[in-house]
Amino acid sequence: MVFLNGKFIPIGEAMVPVLDRGFIFGDGVYELVPVYSRVPFRLDEHLARLDRSLAAVRIRNPYTRQQWREIIRQLVLLQPHEDQGVYFQVTRGVAKRDHAFPQGVEPTVFIMSNPLVNPARELVERGAEALSATDYRWQKCDIKSISLIGNVLLRQLSADAGAAETILFRDGRLTEASASNVFIVRGGVIMGPPKSNLILPGITYDVVLELARAAGLPLEIRDLGEAQVRAADEIWVTSSSKEVLAIVRLDGKPVGEGRPGPVFKRMFELYQDFKKTVMRTGKEKAAA
């Protein structure tokens, strides 16, 4: 079952008009909320990010925060899976093809939920490979836009090579990866680029920062040059689905010793413990 414009229906019956601006222009935004043991994780933060994205592209939010919560709760209960990834998107709606915003149009809301698939244990233990590429996407990467062709093309570079991610550099500085945030470790210090219009503010990014600070791990948030990244002892990518994943080869060359490093292993343990004690039990107010 999926949710489309106020109704829960089988996915085979879900249809959107071809003049929907999401189809014509990619004119919309989206979110993906991980669900552990049927508890949405940090739903308030995801909905706040949705609010920011909608405001940035001037699409009216069609639901209150409580309405979003109730719709997502019902959809999660309709699925057979304990762990899910709830994807929802809002487009500007259906109108004749014209670049200017149409007036008096209702936004289109689509929500679906699929099994949440995290990296296999073997991949976590051996680490993953990544390629690098120039970040040629637009200048508003902090908006979670459904116009993702740039990310798609960049991710396909690594997919074609059998790698897990494409790490992006713009003007000689690290931004993020095609579908992840990026951290490095040098001399035992975790480093990550600051949030900006060139980086999507990841919820998992924030969790990593919180866990590092709580555990007393050295942490620096600052601009990182490409040379610093390539000389790093460890590289990680983080996202709702990848969680925290070590990159052990970049562009065919080993990162550090070519295997997941000690700081990654510590962070992975912290993340798994957090998932068990907080995410799955709904202790946070956002999961209430």
Protein backbone atom coordinates (compact mmCIF):
# COMPACT_ATOMS: atom_id res chain seq x y z
CA MET A 1 0.00 0.00 0.00
CA VAL A 2 1.06 3.59 -0.73
CA PHE A 3 -0.37 7.01 0.06
CA LEU A 4 -1.34 9.37 -2.75
CA ASN A 5 -3.19 12.64 -2.30
CA GLY A 6 -5.17 11.66 0.79
CA LYS A 7 -5.77 7.97 0.10
CA PHE A 8 -4.06 4.67 0.96
CA ILE A 9 -4.17 2.53 -2.19
CA PRO A 10 -2.30 -0.43 -3.76
CA ILE A 11 0.80 0.79 -5.59
CA GLY A 12 -0.54 -0.62 -8.86
CA GLU A 13 -3.46 1.78 -8.64
CA ALA A 14 -1.37 4.87 -7.84
CA MET A 15 -1.32 7.22 -10.82
CA VAL A 16 -0.16 10.80 -11.32
CA PRO A 17 -1.18 12.94 -14.32
CA VAL A 18 1.52 13.45 -16.94
CA LEU A 19 1.24 17.22 -16.46
CA ASP A 20 2.31 16.96 -12.83
CA ARG A 21 5.21 19.39 -12.47
CA GLY A 22 7.26 16.74 -10.73
CA PHE A 23 7.20 14.75 -13.98
CA ILE A 24 7.55 17.74 -16.32
CA PHE A 25 10.12 19.83 -14.42
CA GLY A 26 11.32 17.75 -11.45
CA ASP A 27 9.54 20.50 -9.50
CA GLY A 28 9.32 18.99 -6.03
CA VAL A 29 11.14 17.87 -2.92
CA TYR A 30 11.43 14.60 -1.00
CA GLU A 31 12.46 12.94 2.24
CA LEU A 32 13.46 9.43 3.29
CA VAL A 33 12.86 8.39 6.91
CA PRO A 34 14.42 5.20 8.29
CA VAL A 35 12.08 3.11 10.43
CA TYR A 36 13.44 0.65 13.01
CA SER A 37 11.07 -1.86 14.60
CA ARG A 38 8.22 0.24 13.13
CA VAL A 39 9.48 3.39 14.87
CA PRO A 40 10.29 6.32 12.50
CA PHE A 41 13.69 7.72 13.45
CA ARG A 42 13.97 11.46 14.10
CA LEU A 43 10.78 12.17 12.26
CA ASP A 44 10.66 15.74 13.57
CA GLU A 45 14.08 16.46 12.06
CA HIS A 46 13.05 14.97 8.73
CA LEU A 47 9.82 16.97 8.70
CA ALA A 48 11.72 20.13 9.62
CA ARG A 49 14.07 19.53 6.69
CA LEU A 50 11.01 18.99 4.48
CA ASP A 51 9.66 22.35 5.68
CA ARG A 52 12.95 24.04 4.76
CA SER A 53 13.05 22.45 1.31
CA LEU A 54 9.42 23.33 0.58
CA ALA A 55 9.97 26.92 1.71
CA ALA A 56 13.11 27.21 -0.42
CA VAL A 57 11.22 26.23 -3.58
CA ARG A 58 8.00 28.01 -2.52
CA ILE A 59 5.71 24.97 -2.43
CA ARG A 60 2.97 25.09 0.18
CA ASN A 61 3.19 22.33 2.77
CA PRO A 62 -0.21 20.61 2.41
CA TYR A 63 -0.20 18.99 5.87
CA THR A 64 0.46 19.95 9.45
CA ARG A 65 3.25 18.24 11.37
CA GLN A 66 0.70 16.08 13.19
CA GLN A 67 -1.00 15.08 9.95
CA TRP A 68 2.33 13.99 8.47
CA ARG A 69 3.01 11.94 11.59
CA GLU A 70 -0.33 10.17 11.45
CA ILE A 71 -0.13 9.39 7.72
CA ILE A 72 3.36 7.94 8.11
CA ARG A 73 2.33 5.97 11.20
CA GLN A 74 -0.57 4.40 9.32
CA LEU A 75 1.53 3.60 6.25
CA VAL A 76 4.22 1.92 8.37
CA LEU A 77 1.59 -0.27 10.03
CA LEU A 78 0.28 -1.36 6.63
CA GLN A 79 3.67 -2.82 5.62
CA PRO A 80 4.91 -6.32 6.56
CA HIS A 81 8.45 -5.19 7.39
CA GLU A 82 9.76 -4.20 10.82
CA ASP A 83 12.56 -2.02 9.38
CA GLN A 84 11.47 0.30 6.59
CA GLY A 85 12.50 3.29 4.55
CA VAL A 86 9.58 5.70 4.20
CA TYR A 87 9.97 7.82 1.06
CA PHE A 88 7.72 10.80 0.54
CA GLN A 89 7.70 13.58 -2.00
CA VAL A 90 5.70 16.73 -2.59
CA THR A 91 5.47 18.31 -6.03
CA ARG A 92 4.00 21.66 -6.99
CA GLY A 93 1.03 19.87 -8.56
CA VAL A 94 -0.67 19.52 -11.93
CA ALA A 95 -0.80 22.45 -14.37
CA LYS A 96 -0.19 23.28 -18.02
CA ARG A 97 3.48 23.33 -18.95
CA ASP A 98 4.79 26.77 -18.10
CA HIS A 99 7.98 27.52 -16.20
CA ALA A 100 6.29 30.13 -13.99
CA PHE A 101 4.54 28.88 -10.85
CA PRO A 102 0.86 28.10 -11.47
CA GLN A 103 -1.73 29.70 -9.20
CA GLY A 104 -4.33 27.83 -7.16
CA VAL A 105 -2.79 24.37 -7.71
CA GLU A 106 -2.86 21.65 -5.04
CA PRO A 107 0.50 19.99 -4.30
CA THR A 108 0.83 16.31 -5.14
CA VAL A 109 1.82 14.13 -2.15
CA PHE A 110 3.13 10.59 -2.64
CA ILE A 111 4.43 8.33 0.14
CA MET A 112 5.66 4.75 -0.04
CA SER A 113 7.57 2.45 2.28
CA ASN A 114 10.06 -0.26 1.35
CA PRO A 115 12.23 -2.66 3.37
CA LEU A 116 15.24 -0.86 4.85
CA VAL A 117 18.37 -2.57 3.55
CA ASN A 118 21.66 -1.72 5.25
CA PRO A 119 25.15 -2.76 4.07
CA ALA A 120 25.89 -6.45 4.47
CA ARG A 121 28.12 -7.40 7.40
CA GLU A 122 30.83 -8.62 5.01
CA LEU A 123 30.97 -5.21 3.30
CA VAL A 124 31.17 -3.41 6.63
CA GLU A 125 34.03 -5.65 7.74
CA ARG A 126 36.10 -5.43 4.56
CA GLY A 127 35.18 -1.86 3.57
CA ALA A 128 33.97 -0.45 0.28
CA GLU A 129 35.47 1.18 -2.78
CA ALA A 130 34.69 4.63 -4.16
CA LEU A 131 35.52 6.80 -7.12
CA SER A 132 35.96 10.55 -7.12
CA ALA A 133 34.47 13.11 -9.48
CA THR A 134 34.02 16.82 -9.95
CA ASP A 135 30.86 18.05 -8.26
CA TYR A 136 29.05 19.69 -11.17
CA ARG A 137 25.59 19.80 -9.56
CA TRP A 138 23.63 23.02 -8.98
CA GLN A 139 24.34 25.48 -6.19
CA LYS A 140 21.38 24.55 -3.98
CA CYS A 141 22.34 21.05 -2.82
CA ASP A 142 20.93 21.80 0.65
CA ILE A 143 17.43 21.56 -0.88
CA LYS A 144 16.30 17.93 -1.00
CA SER A 145 15.04 18.29 -4.55
CA ILE A 146 13.63 15.47 -6.65
CA SER A 147 15.68 16.93 -9.56
CA LEU A 148 18.47 14.42 -8.99
CA ILE A 149 19.88 13.81 -12.47
CA GLY A 150 23.28 15.18 -11.41
CA ASN A 151 23.42 12.80 -8.44
CA VAL A 152 22.19 9.94 -10.64
CA LEU A 153 24.93 10.47 -13.24
CA LEU A 154 27.61 10.79 -10.58
CA ARG A 155 26.43 7.68 -8.74
CA GLN A 156 26.39 5.75 -12.00
CA LEU A 157 30.13 6.39 -12.40
CA SER A 158 30.82 4.29 -9.31
CA ALA A 159 28.08 1.78 -10.13
CA ASP A 160 29.69 1.12 -13.51
CA ALA A 161 32.96 0.41 -11.71
CA GLY A 162 31.37 -1.82 -9.07
CA ALA A 163 32.09 0.74 -6.35
CA ALA A 164 29.83 1.88 -3.52
CA GLU A 165 29.96 5.65 -3.95
CA THR A 166 31.29 8.65 -5.86
CA ILE A 167 33.03 11.19 -3.64
CA LEU A 168 32.69 14.74 -4.91
CA PHE A 169 35.06 17.69 -5.02
CA ARG A 170 34.18 21.23 -6.05
CA ASP A 171 36.94 23.79 -6.64
CA GLY A 172 39.41 21.49 -4.90
CA ARG A 173 37.32 20.97 -1.77
CA LEU A 174 35.30 18.03 -0.48
CA THR A 175 31.53 18.49 -0.61
CA GLU A 176 29.79 15.13 -0.17
CA ALA A 177 29.16 11.93 -2.13
CA SER A 178 26.48 11.26 -4.73
CA ALA A 179 24.05 9.92 -2.09
CA SER A 180 25.95 10.27 1.20
CA ASN A 181 27.83 12.63 3.46
CA VAL A 182 31.59 12.11 3.86
CA PHE A 183 33.93 12.11 6.85
CA ILE A 184 37.67 11.49 6.99
CA VAL A 185 40.05 10.62 9.82
CA ARG A 186 43.60 11.99 10.08
CA GLY A 187 45.80 11.35 13.09
CA GLY A 188 42.83 10.00 15.06
CA VAL A 189 40.73 13.15 14.45
CA ILE A 190 37.34 12.83 12.73
CA MET A 191 36.91 15.61 10.18
CA GLY A 192 33.93 16.63 8.08
CA PRO A 193 32.98 19.55 5.87
CA PRO A 194 30.60 22.14 7.35
CA LYS A 195 27.01 22.37 6.22
CA SER A 196 26.45 24.80 3.37
CA ASN A 197 24.36 25.26 0.26
CA LEU A 198 26.68 22.75 -1.45
CA ILE A 199 25.89 19.91 0.97
CA LEU A 200 22.63 18.23 1.91
CA PRO A 201 22.31 18.43 5.71
CA GLY A 202 22.14 14.72 6.53
CA ILE A 203 20.31 13.39 9.58
CA THR A 204 22.90 10.59 9.88
CA TYR A 205 25.65 13.24 9.59
CA ASP A 206 24.19 14.85 12.72
CA VAL A 207 24.01 11.50 14.53
CA VAL A 208 27.70 10.86 13.83
CA LEU A 209 28.61 14.27 15.24
CA GLU A 210 26.53 13.66 18.37
CA LEU A 211 28.00 10.20 18.94
CA ALA A 212 31.56 11.44 18.45
CA ARG A 213 31.09 14.29 20.92
CA ALA A 214 29.35 12.08 23.48
CA ALA A 215 32.19 9.54 23.29
CA GLY A 216 34.89 12.19 23.52
CA LEU A 217 36.32 11.41 20.08
CA PRO A 218 38.38 14.26 18.56
CA LEU A 219 36.26 16.06 15.99
CA GLU A 220 36.78 18.99 13.62
CA ILE A 221 34.22 20.45 11.23
CA ARG A 222 36.00 22.49 8.58
CA ASP A 223 36.74 22.78 4.89
CA LEU A 224 38.73 19.82 3.58
CA GLY A 225 40.94 20.02 0.50
CA GLU A 226 41.12 17.21 -2.02
CA ALA A 227 44.74 16.47 -1.07
CA GLN A 228 43.72 16.07 2.59
CA VAL A 229 41.03 13.58 1.65
CA ARG A 230 43.35 11.52 -0.53
CA ALA A 231 45.95 11.44 2.26
CA ALA A 232 43.41 10.48 4.95
CA ASP A 233 43.91 7.51 7.25
CA GLU A 234 40.20 6.69 6.96
CA ILE A 235 37.27 7.78 4.81
CA TRP A 236 33.63 7.12 5.73
CA VAL A 237 30.33 7.71 3.97
CA THR A 238 27.14 8.12 5.97
CA SER A 239 23.43 8.02 5.12
CA SER A 240 20.16 6.58 6.39
CA SER A 241 20.64 3.37 4.39
CA LYS A 242 24.45 3.08 4.49
CA GLU A 243 24.59 4.12 8.15
CA VAL A 244 28.40 4.46 8.56
CA LEU A 245 30.48 2.69 5.92
CA ALA A 246 34.26 2.70 5.55
CA ILE A 247 35.79 3.46 2.14
CA VAL A 248 39.04 1.51 1.87
CA ARG A 249 39.93 2.25 -1.77
CA LEU A 250 39.49 5.54 -3.60
CA ASP A 251 40.10 5.64 -7.36
CA GLY A 252 41.80 2.25 -7.08
CA LYS A 253 44.29 3.36 -4.40
CA PRO A 254 44.14 2.17 -0.78
CA VAL A 255 42.88 4.53 1.89
CA GLY A 256 45.26 4.31 4.84
CA GLU A 257 46.08 0.64 5.31
CA GLY A 258 43.37 -0.43 2.88
CA ARG A 259 40.98 -1.77 5.50
CA PRO A 260 38.45 -0.27 7.94
CA GLY A 261 40.37 1.72 10.53
CA PRO A 262 40.14 1.80 14.33
CA VAL A 263 38.17 5.06 14.53
CA PHE A 264 35.62 3.73 12.04
CA LYS A 265 35.27 0.53 14.07
CA ARG A 266 34.63 2.58 17.20
CA MET A 267 32.05 4.75 15.44
CA PHE A 268 30.36 1.71 13.93
CA GLU A 269 30.03 0.18 17.41
CA LEU A 270 28.63 3.44 18.78
CA TYR A 271 26.13 3.67 15.93
CA GLN A 272 24.94 0.09 16.33
CA ASP A 273 24.52 0.57 20.06
CA PHE A 274 22.60 3.78 19.43
CA LYS A 275 20.38 1.98 16.95
CA LYS A 276 19.65 -0.77 19.45
CA THR A 277 19.06 1.41 22.51
CA VAL A 278 17.48 4.50 20.95
CA MET A 279 16.27 3.98 17.39
CA ARG A 280 14.54 0.63 17.98
CA THR A 281 13.03 1.55 21.32
CA GLY A 282 11.61 4.93 20.33
CA LYS A 283 13.21 6.71 23.29
CA GLU A 284 13.64 9.96 21.41
CA LYS A 285 10.71 12.34 21.43
CA ALA A 286 10.85 12.40 17.60
CA ALA A 287 9.92 8.73 17.56
CA ALA A 288 7.13 9.05 20.14
